[in-house]
Amino acid sequence: EITNNDDMTASENEPQPKESSAKEPTSDPDTIAESHNLNDVPLSKIEPQDVYQVVDAIRTNTSLSHEMACVALRVVLSELEPLLPQPIVKHLEPIAVHLTAPLDVPDALLAQTHDAQRLRVIFNGLSECKNDSEQRTWMLHEDEADISRYLSELISILTHADPKICRNEMAVDHYQSVINLVLYYQMETRWSIRKLLLEAFKAMCHLDYTTVDILLGSVLPLEIVQDMISNARNVEKLQELANMLIIVFSIGRRMPINQQEHLRSDFIIFLLNIIETPPDTDVHGVLPDTMINLILSFNLQFDNFTENVVLEAMEQIKTAKTFTEKILVLINREEDPVHTLKHTPAHINPVLKMLVDLFSRPETASIFYSNDQSVLIDILVRQLSDLSAGEPIRKWYLELCRKIVRNTSYAEHQHRKQDLMKIFTRIFCEETECSAGDQQIVREIANEFPQIFKA
């Protein structure tokens, strides 16, 4: 039988029906089954610790901070949402919900993290360094690189890890690791290592109030003061050392008795001399501001102006022109250059407290020239005009007003007297219960100086 090739060719050349590339979800049984299967998968219960372990894995593998690891996970979840079928997205939603608040996880899990394990290794290693230093009277300079690596990693973890992990590991054995580092600082003489120890102490202070309290009661403040006095021309050292003391004193706790005996007015005079006549090595003029901040921080611990060594020092100096000018700039800007610890709220502006203390005695009030006093009264009038009833800082400005009138020659020039009287009248006419304390101060000022405010 002979086949007709032309017929075959024609048949092959006829247009064939194309297969549709688009799947019909309503008619494809496989797709329908798959969709039903995804919808039928029950939501697994995702606990905070599950999410925490994911965040920790991100941090461990990327070196992101704990905070940024949380951000990274939130971003990934957000970007995945439009790419995935809704039945899958609903399984991711519990993770996103947990990330909207701090993850509450048990301490046992925190102790298992890579950061916690490294902190334990580092604290143990630095404790051994302390013990080695105790047993010898010379320094092994070949160990400097290893110790520096330990301290650098410690600073990195304290700065970037979950603060809860750091606080837990620091608190082990009643903060023995912190105490060991202080003792090591006391024995270590190399500035390169001491500088890293100071950075570690600062990071610890920002994490935990108890650490600040421990450092305040330790030998660290006295060691730092001795370092400052011994390096009076080294700008870098003076700044690093002073900034550490500013943090320690910023909580306003009184120094232990043993420190009070050593940190007397001569230390404040040392700081004032740097402020008024900084060393020629301070080419950028950074030391006066730093030392003023240290005096402000140091002054927070004194409640009674009759026992205030800062005021004792002020009585002994001949001039404090730079100090007074910079204090006026700070109070005019309403700045607080001392309180940087988020876990310790500032109960009083240290600049305002310093002014109230200085004007508590005629001898220390006199370091302000007459023109400076007038500028201060202008600032005081502006602040009292703006402050409302119930704002705690208002009583401090009223107290400052009383001290200025009492311990300066205000009665002679009576600068802005009418403005002050208007402010007093407004406060006295307030009917809110929270105004009672301020009204009492106003009443006492008027009664003490009737020739000025009742004329």
Protein backbone atom coordinates (compact mmCIF):
# COMPACT_ATOMS: atom_id res chain seq x y z
CA GLU A 1 0.00 0.00 0.00
CA ILE A 2 1.37 3.33 -1.05
CA THR A 3 1.04 6.24 1.43
CA ASN A 4 0.25 9.72 0.14
CA ASN A 5 3.10 11.90 1.53
CA ASP A 6 1.40 15.11 0.44
CA ASP A 7 -1.60 14.29 2.57
CA MET A 8 0.65 13.58 5.55
CA THR A 9 2.51 16.84 5.12
CA ALA A 10 -0.70 18.80 4.90
CA SER A 11 -2.00 17.10 7.99
CA GLU A 12 1.17 17.92 9.94
CA ASN A 13 1.09 21.53 8.78
CA GLU A 14 -2.44 22.18 10.02
CA PRO A 15 -2.51 24.49 13.02
CA GLN A 16 -2.69 22.50 16.24
CA PRO A 17 -4.69 23.71 19.23
CA LYS A 18 -2.35 25.36 21.83
CA GLU A 19 -2.26 24.20 25.44
CA SER A 20 -3.31 26.98 27.78
CA SER A 21 -0.39 28.23 29.92
CA ALA A 22 -2.74 29.72 32.53
CA LYS A 23 -4.00 27.30 35.10
CA GLU A 24 -7.64 27.46 35.89
CA PRO A 25 -7.78 27.39 39.68
CA THR A 26 -11.41 26.50 39.68
CA SER A 27 -10.94 23.50 37.38
CA ASP A 28 -7.45 22.18 38.27
CA PRO A 29 -8.01 19.51 40.89
CA ASP A 30 -4.32 19.52 41.97
CA THR A 31 -4.35 23.26 42.68
CA ILE A 32 -7.60 23.02 44.55
CA ALA A 33 -6.22 20.20 46.66
CA GLU A 34 -3.00 22.08 47.39
CA SER A 35 -4.91 25.20 48.46
CA HIS A 36 -7.19 23.18 50.68
CA ASN A 37 -4.18 21.43 52.21
CA LEU A 38 -2.50 24.76 53.13
CA ASN A 39 -5.68 26.12 54.65
CA ASP A 40 -6.15 22.96 56.62
CA VAL A 41 -2.69 23.10 58.25
CA PRO A 42 -3.31 24.22 61.84
CA LEU A 43 -1.36 27.21 63.17
CA SER A 44 1.52 25.98 65.28
CA LYS A 45 1.90 27.75 68.63
CA ILE A 46 4.94 29.99 68.40
CA GLU A 47 6.30 31.12 71.77
CA PRO A 48 8.45 34.19 72.45
CA GLN A 49 11.46 31.97 73.08
CA ASP A 50 11.07 30.47 69.60
CA VAL A 51 11.25 33.91 68.04
CA TYR A 52 14.11 34.86 70.36
CA GLN A 53 16.18 31.94 69.13
CA VAL A 54 15.66 33.07 65.54
CA VAL A 55 16.78 36.59 66.47
CA ASP A 56 19.79 35.19 68.30
CA ALA A 57 20.73 33.08 65.27
CA ILE A 58 20.57 36.19 63.08
CA ARG A 59 22.83 38.09 65.49
CA THR A 60 25.31 35.22 65.81
CA ASN A 61 25.63 34.72 62.06
CA THR A 62 25.61 38.35 60.94
CA SER A 63 27.20 40.24 63.87
CA LEU A 64 24.20 42.56 63.89
CA SER A 65 23.27 43.98 67.27
CA HIS A 66 20.35 42.35 69.08
CA GLU A 67 18.20 45.36 68.30
CA MET A 68 19.11 45.33 64.60
CA ALA A 69 18.60 41.56 64.42
CA CYS A 70 15.01 42.14 65.55
CA VAL A 71 14.65 44.82 62.89
CA ALA A 72 16.09 42.49 60.26
CA LEU A 73 13.60 39.75 61.11
CA ARG A 74 10.70 42.22 60.98
CA VAL A 75 11.84 43.45 57.56
CA VAL A 76 12.14 39.90 56.19
CA LEU A 77 8.65 39.02 57.39
CA SER A 78 7.24 42.21 55.91
CA GLU A 79 8.90 41.61 52.54
CA LEU A 80 7.81 37.96 52.41
CA GLU A 81 4.15 38.74 52.99
CA PRO A 82 3.29 39.85 49.41
CA LEU A 83 5.35 37.01 47.92
CA LEU A 84 3.68 34.11 49.68
CA PRO A 85 0.17 32.65 49.51
CA GLN A 86 -2.13 33.90 52.26
CA PRO A 87 -2.40 30.44 53.85
CA ILE A 88 1.37 30.54 54.42
CA VAL A 89 1.44 34.18 55.54
CA LYS A 90 -0.92 33.44 58.40
CA HIS A 91 1.73 31.09 59.82
CA LEU A 92 4.23 33.99 59.92
CA GLU A 93 1.91 36.47 61.61
CA PRO A 94 2.50 35.18 65.19
CA ILE A 95 6.23 35.79 64.73
CA ALA A 96 5.57 39.39 63.67
CA VAL A 97 3.24 39.90 66.64
CA HIS A 98 5.91 38.76 69.10
CA LEU A 99 8.37 41.23 67.58
CA THR A 100 6.14 44.21 68.38
CA ALA A 101 7.21 44.06 72.04
CA PRO A 102 10.32 43.01 73.98
CA LEU A 103 10.64 39.23 73.93
CA ASP A 104 10.00 37.81 77.39
CA VAL A 105 12.14 34.69 77.68
CA PRO A 106 13.40 32.66 80.66
CA ASP A 107 16.87 33.30 82.05
CA ALA A 108 17.83 29.71 81.27
CA LEU A 109 17.48 30.42 77.56
CA LEU A 110 19.47 33.65 77.85
CA ALA A 111 22.29 31.72 79.49
CA GLN A 112 22.48 29.37 76.49
CA THR A 113 23.06 32.12 73.93
CA HIS A 114 26.40 32.64 72.24
CA ASP A 115 26.77 36.07 73.84
CA ALA A 116 26.25 34.68 77.34
CA GLN A 117 28.77 31.92 76.76
CA ARG A 118 31.35 34.38 75.44
CA LEU A 119 30.80 36.72 78.40
CA ARG A 120 31.51 33.87 80.81
CA VAL A 121 34.69 32.97 78.93
CA ILE A 122 35.85 36.59 78.86
CA PHE A 123 35.08 37.28 82.52
CA ASN A 124 36.94 34.11 83.53
CA GLY A 125 39.88 35.00 81.31
CA LEU A 126 40.14 38.54 82.68
CA SER A 127 39.85 37.19 86.22
CA GLU A 128 42.89 35.03 85.50
CA CYS A 129 44.71 38.13 84.24
CA LYS A 130 43.94 39.82 87.55
CA ASN A 131 45.24 36.83 89.49
CA ASP A 132 48.40 36.72 87.38
CA SER A 133 48.99 40.41 88.05
CA GLU A 134 48.61 39.83 91.79
CA GLN A 135 51.27 37.11 91.73
CA ARG A 136 53.96 39.09 89.94
CA THR A 137 55.44 42.54 90.23
CA TRP A 138 56.21 42.98 86.52
CA MET A 139 54.06 43.13 83.41
CA LEU A 140 54.18 40.52 80.69
CA HIS A 141 53.97 42.73 77.63
CA GLU A 142 53.45 39.78 75.34
CA ASP A 143 50.00 39.26 76.91
CA GLU A 144 48.84 42.77 75.97
CA ALA A 145 47.38 41.72 72.60
CA ASP A 146 45.39 38.86 74.13
CA ILE A 147 44.01 41.02 76.94
CA SER A 148 43.11 43.76 74.46
CA ARG A 149 41.21 41.26 72.31
CA TYR A 150 39.29 40.04 75.36
CA LEU A 151 38.37 43.58 76.36
CA SER A 152 37.44 44.64 72.83
CA GLU A 153 35.11 41.66 72.49
CA LEU A 154 33.66 42.40 75.94
CA ILE A 155 32.92 46.01 74.95
CA SER A 156 31.33 44.84 71.70
CA ILE A 157 29.04 42.36 73.46
CA LEU A 158 28.07 44.85 76.18
CA THR A 159 27.21 47.38 73.49
CA HIS A 160 25.41 45.17 70.98
CA ALA A 161 24.01 42.10 72.75
CA ASP A 162 20.61 41.82 74.39
CA PRO A 163 20.95 43.97 77.55
CA LYS A 164 19.18 41.27 79.58
CA ILE A 165 21.96 38.80 78.76
CA CYS A 166 24.64 41.27 79.82
CA ARG A 167 22.88 42.21 83.05
CA ASN A 168 22.38 38.56 83.99
CA GLU A 169 26.01 37.62 83.41
CA MET A 170 27.32 40.74 85.17
CA ALA A 171 25.17 40.01 88.23
CA VAL A 172 26.53 36.47 88.74
CA ASP A 173 28.05 35.98 92.22
CA HIS A 174 26.98 39.45 93.37
CA TYR A 175 28.73 41.21 90.46
CA GLN A 176 32.06 39.53 91.15
CA SER A 177 33.12 39.94 87.52
CA VAL A 178 32.71 43.72 87.81
CA ILE A 179 34.64 43.78 91.08
CA ASN A 180 37.42 41.71 89.50
CA LEU A 181 37.74 44.19 86.64
CA VAL A 182 38.06 47.08 89.11
CA LEU A 183 40.82 45.25 90.96
CA TYR A 184 42.52 44.52 87.66
CA TYR A 185 42.33 48.21 86.72
CA GLN A 186 43.99 49.06 90.02
CA MET A 187 46.94 46.73 89.30
CA GLU A 188 47.28 47.41 85.57
CA THR A 189 49.62 50.25 84.60
CA ARG A 190 49.42 50.13 80.78
CA TRP A 191 47.19 52.92 79.47
CA SER A 192 46.18 50.93 76.38
CA ILE A 193 44.55 48.33 78.64
CA ARG A 194 43.26 50.81 81.21
CA LYS A 195 41.54 52.75 78.43
CA LEU A 196 39.72 49.60 77.28
CA LEU A 197 38.74 48.82 80.87
CA LEU A 198 37.23 52.30 81.16
CA GLU A 199 35.22 51.70 77.98
CA ALA A 200 33.96 48.42 79.44
CA PHE A 201 32.99 50.14 82.70
CA LYS A 202 31.08 52.82 80.79
CA ALA A 203 29.18 50.20 78.80
CA MET A 204 28.31 48.35 82.01
CA CYS A 205 27.09 51.56 83.65
CA HIS A 206 24.70 52.22 80.78
CA LEU A 207 23.23 48.74 81.26
CA ASP A 208 22.75 48.54 84.99
CA TYR A 209 22.34 50.91 87.96
CA THR A 210 23.84 48.45 90.43
CA THR A 211 27.09 48.48 88.48
CA VAL A 212 27.32 52.27 88.81
CA ASP A 213 26.74 51.96 92.55
CA ILE A 214 29.43 49.28 92.83
CA LEU A 215 31.93 51.40 90.93
CA LEU A 216 31.15 54.44 93.07
CA GLY A 217 31.90 52.47 96.24
CA SER A 218 35.05 50.86 94.84
CA VAL A 219 38.63 52.08 94.58
CA LEU A 220 38.01 53.13 90.96
CA PRO A 221 37.17 56.83 91.60
CA LEU A 222 40.32 57.35 93.68
CA GLU A 223 42.44 55.54 91.08
CA ILE A 224 41.01 57.75 88.35
CA VAL A 225 41.59 60.95 90.33
CA GLN A 226 45.20 59.95 90.93
CA ASP A 227 45.58 59.25 87.21
CA MET A 228 44.19 62.68 86.37
CA ILE A 229 46.52 64.49 88.73
CA SER A 230 49.50 62.53 87.39
CA ASN A 231 48.59 63.33 83.77
CA ALA A 232 47.52 66.96 84.02
CA ARG A 233 48.76 67.76 80.48
CA ASN A 234 47.56 64.64 78.68
CA VAL A 235 44.31 65.75 77.05
CA GLU A 236 43.18 62.30 75.89
CA LYS A 237 43.71 60.71 79.31
CA LEU A 238 42.07 63.58 81.15
CA GLN A 239 38.98 63.37 78.95
CA GLU A 240 38.61 59.59 79.22
CA LEU A 241 39.14 59.60 82.98
CA ALA A 242 36.84 62.57 83.60
CA ASN A 243 34.03 61.09 81.49
CA MET A 244 34.16 57.92 83.56
CA LEU A 245 33.83 59.92 86.79
CA ILE A 246 30.97 61.97 85.33
CA ILE A 247 28.97 58.77 84.81
CA VAL A 248 29.77 57.37 88.25
CA PHE A 249 28.85 60.57 90.10
CA SER A 250 25.78 61.29 87.94
CA ILE A 251 23.53 59.04 90.06
CA GLY A 252 23.84 61.57 92.90
CA ARG A 253 24.83 59.04 95.56
CA ARG A 254 27.12 60.22 98.33
CA MET A 255 30.67 58.91 98.20
CA PRO A 256 31.74 56.39 100.85
CA ILE A 257 33.53 57.87 103.86
CA ASN A 258 36.95 56.64 102.73
CA GLN A 259 36.57 58.55 99.46
CA GLN A 260 35.27 61.70 101.11
CA GLU A 261 38.52 61.94 103.03
CA HIS A 262 40.55 61.96 99.81
CA LEU A 263 38.35 63.90 97.39
CA ARG A 264 38.32 67.28 99.05
CA SER A 265 38.42 70.87 97.82
CA ASP A 266 41.97 70.49 96.46
CA PHE A 267 40.63 68.14 93.74
CA ILE A 268 37.97 70.69 92.75
CA ILE A 269 40.62 73.42 92.66
CA PHE A 270 42.67 71.16 90.36
CA LEU A 271 39.67 70.94 88.01
CA LEU A 272 38.99 74.69 88.22
CA ASN A 273 42.59 75.45 87.29
CA ILE A 274 42.22 73.31 84.16
CA ILE A 275 38.99 75.18 83.33
CA GLU A 276 40.45 78.65 83.78
CA THR A 277 43.94 77.94 82.40
CA PRO A 278 43.83 74.75 80.32
CA PRO A 279 47.18 73.23 79.29
CA ASP A 280 48.60 74.35 75.96
CA THR A 281 48.25 70.75 74.78
CA ASP A 282 44.47 71.28 74.69
CA VAL A 283 44.57 72.74 71.20
CA HIS A 284 40.85 72.14 70.57
CA GLY A 285 39.71 73.59 73.90
CA VAL A 286 37.80 70.49 75.01
CA LEU A 287 38.96 70.24 78.61
CA PRO A 288 37.07 73.19 80.19
CA ASP A 289 33.65 71.83 79.18
CA THR A 290 34.56 68.30 80.31
CA MET A 291 35.84 69.48 83.70
CA ILE A 292 32.77 71.67 84.23
CA ASN A 293 30.59 68.62 83.59
CA LEU A 294 32.65 66.68 86.13
CA ILE A 295 32.17 69.39 88.78
CA LEU A 296 28.42 69.46 88.05
CA SER A 297 28.21 65.68 88.41
CA PHE A 298 30.36 65.63 91.55
CA ASN A 299 28.20 68.35 93.12
CA LEU A 300 24.99 66.28 92.86
CA GLN A 301 25.88 64.27 95.97
CA PHE A 302 25.82 67.24 98.36
CA ASP A 303 22.42 68.04 99.88
CA ASN A 304 23.70 70.44 102.52
CA PHE A 305 25.57 73.46 101.17
CA THR A 306 27.39 73.85 104.51
CA GLU A 307 29.25 70.55 103.88
CA ASN A 308 29.85 71.00 100.16
CA VAL A 309 33.53 70.69 99.18
CA VAL A 310 32.77 72.25 95.78
CA LEU A 311 31.72 75.45 97.52
CA GLU A 312 34.77 75.26 99.78
CA ALA A 313 36.94 75.20 96.67
CA MET A 314 35.04 78.10 95.07
CA GLU A 315 35.74 80.24 98.12
CA GLN A 316 39.48 79.71 97.69
CA ILE A 317 39.88 80.66 94.02
CA LYS A 318 40.53 84.20 92.81
CA THR A 319 38.63 84.03 89.55
CA ALA A 320 36.21 81.68 87.82
CA LYS A 321 35.40 83.68 84.70
CA THR A 322 35.34 80.75 82.29
CA PHE A 323 33.40 78.61 84.72
CA THR A 324 30.68 81.20 85.34
CA GLU A 325 30.33 82.10 81.66
CA LYS A 326 29.90 78.48 80.62
CA ILE A 327 27.45 77.79 83.46
CA LEU A 328 25.29 80.69 82.25
CA VAL A 329 25.35 79.32 78.70
CA LEU A 330 24.22 75.90 79.96
CA ILE A 331 21.36 77.25 82.08
CA ASN A 332 20.23 79.52 79.25
CA ARG A 333 20.01 76.51 76.93
CA GLU A 334 18.37 74.40 79.63
CA GLU A 335 20.99 71.72 79.01
CA ASP A 336 21.87 68.79 81.23
CA PRO A 337 25.35 67.62 80.21
CA VAL A 338 25.62 65.08 83.02
CA HIS A 339 22.71 62.64 82.99
CA THR A 340 23.27 60.12 80.21
CA LEU A 341 22.09 56.92 81.94
CA LYS A 342 18.62 56.01 80.68
CA HIS A 343 17.91 53.74 83.65
CA THR A 344 18.45 56.56 86.16
CA PRO A 345 16.03 59.50 85.77
CA ALA A 346 17.38 62.95 86.54
CA HIS A 347 15.73 64.32 89.68
CA ILE A 348 17.27 67.76 89.24
CA ASN A 349 19.10 69.63 86.52
CA PRO A 350 22.74 69.65 87.74
CA VAL A 351 23.36 73.14 86.33
CA LEU A 352 20.42 74.57 88.26
CA LYS A 353 21.50 72.78 91.44
CA MET A 354 25.02 74.16 91.03
CA LEU A 355 23.66 77.71 90.76
CA VAL A 356 21.39 77.29 93.79
CA ASP A 357 24.36 75.98 95.79
CA LEU A 358 26.70 78.75 94.64
CA PHE A 359 24.21 81.48 95.57
CA SER A 360 23.62 79.89 98.99
CA ARG A 361 26.68 81.73 100.32
CA PRO A 362 27.69 85.37 99.73
CA GLU A 363 31.30 84.21 99.37
CA THR A 364 30.56 81.90 96.43
CA ALA A 365 27.84 84.11 94.94
CA SER A 366 30.49 86.79 94.52
CA ILE A 367 32.29 84.78 91.79
CA PHE A 368 29.54 86.05 89.46
CA TYR A 369 30.07 89.61 88.28
CA SER A 370 27.15 92.04 88.54
CA ASN A 371 26.49 91.76 84.82
CA ASP A 372 26.46 87.95 85.10
CA GLN A 373 23.91 88.21 87.90
CA SER A 374 21.67 90.39 85.74
CA VAL A 375 21.89 87.90 82.88
CA LEU A 376 20.99 85.11 85.28
CA ILE A 377 17.95 87.03 86.53
CA ASP A 378 16.84 87.54 82.92
CA ILE A 379 17.03 83.78 82.38
CA LEU A 380 15.25 83.15 85.66
CA VAL A 381 12.38 85.51 84.74
CA ARG A 382 11.97 83.83 81.36
CA GLN A 383 11.88 80.36 82.88
CA LEU A 384 9.43 81.25 85.64
CA SER A 385 7.18 82.92 83.08
CA ASP A 386 7.10 79.75 80.97
CA LEU A 387 6.81 77.12 83.71
CA SER A 388 3.36 75.97 84.79
CA ALA A 389 1.97 74.84 88.12
CA GLY A 390 3.06 71.34 89.06
CA GLU A 391 6.36 71.36 87.19
CA PRO A 392 8.95 70.27 89.80
CA ILE A 393 11.74 72.41 88.39
CA ARG A 394 9.82 75.63 89.13
CA LYS A 395 10.55 75.41 92.86
CA TRP A 396 14.27 75.28 92.05
CA TYR A 397 14.07 78.49 90.05
CA LEU A 398 12.12 80.12 92.88
CA GLU A 399 14.75 78.93 95.34
CA LEU A 400 17.47 80.37 93.10
CA CYS A 401 15.60 83.67 93.06
CA ARG A 402 15.51 83.72 96.86
CA LYS A 403 19.26 82.98 97.11
CA ILE A 404 20.16 85.72 94.60
CA VAL A 405 18.10 88.33 96.45
CA ARG A 406 19.49 87.21 99.82
CA ASN A 407 23.20 86.80 99.05
CA THR A 408 23.95 89.44 96.41
CA SER A 409 23.52 93.18 96.05
CA TYR A 410 20.12 92.72 94.41
CA ALA A 411 18.49 95.24 96.77
CA GLU A 412 20.64 97.96 95.21
CA HIS A 413 19.72 97.48 91.53
CA GLN A 414 16.48 95.40 91.80
CA HIS A 415 16.87 94.16 88.22
CA ARG A 416 13.54 92.96 86.69
CA LYS A 417 11.75 93.57 90.00
CA GLN A 418 8.38 94.31 88.38
CA ASP A 419 8.56 91.15 86.29
CA LEU A 420 9.34 89.09 89.36
CA MET A 421 6.43 90.63 91.26
CA LYS A 422 4.05 89.76 88.40
CA ILE A 423 5.31 86.18 88.44
CA PHE A 424 4.90 85.95 92.22
CA THR A 425 1.35 87.31 91.98
CA ARG A 426 0.43 84.83 89.26
CA ILE A 427 1.79 81.90 91.26
CA PHE A 428 0.12 83.10 94.45
CA CYS A 429 -3.25 83.30 92.66
CA GLU A 430 -3.08 79.75 91.29
CA GLU A 431 -5.82 77.54 92.70
CA THR A 432 -4.32 74.13 92.01
CA GLU A 433 -3.23 71.94 94.90
CA CYS A 434 0.16 71.32 93.30
CA SER A 435 0.96 75.04 93.60
CA ALA A 436 1.03 74.99 97.40
CA GLY A 437 4.79 74.41 97.70
CA ASP A 438 5.67 77.13 95.20
CA GLN A 439 3.22 79.54 96.86
CA GLN A 440 4.93 78.92 100.20
CA ILE A 441 8.31 79.89 98.72
CA VAL A 442 6.80 83.04 97.17
CA ARG A 443 5.24 83.96 100.51
CA GLU A 444 8.56 83.46 102.31
CA ILE A 445 10.44 85.60 99.76
CA ALA A 446 7.92 88.44 100.12
CA ASN A 447 8.06 88.25 103.92
CA GLU A 448 11.87 88.13 104.02
CA PHE A 449 12.28 91.10 101.66
CA PRO A 450 9.21 93.31 102.21
CA GLN A 451 11.19 96.43 101.29
CA ILE A 452 11.58 95.01 97.77
CA PHE A 453 8.46 92.99 97.03
CA LYS A 454 5.85 94.67 99.21
CA ALA A 455 6.70 98.28 98.41
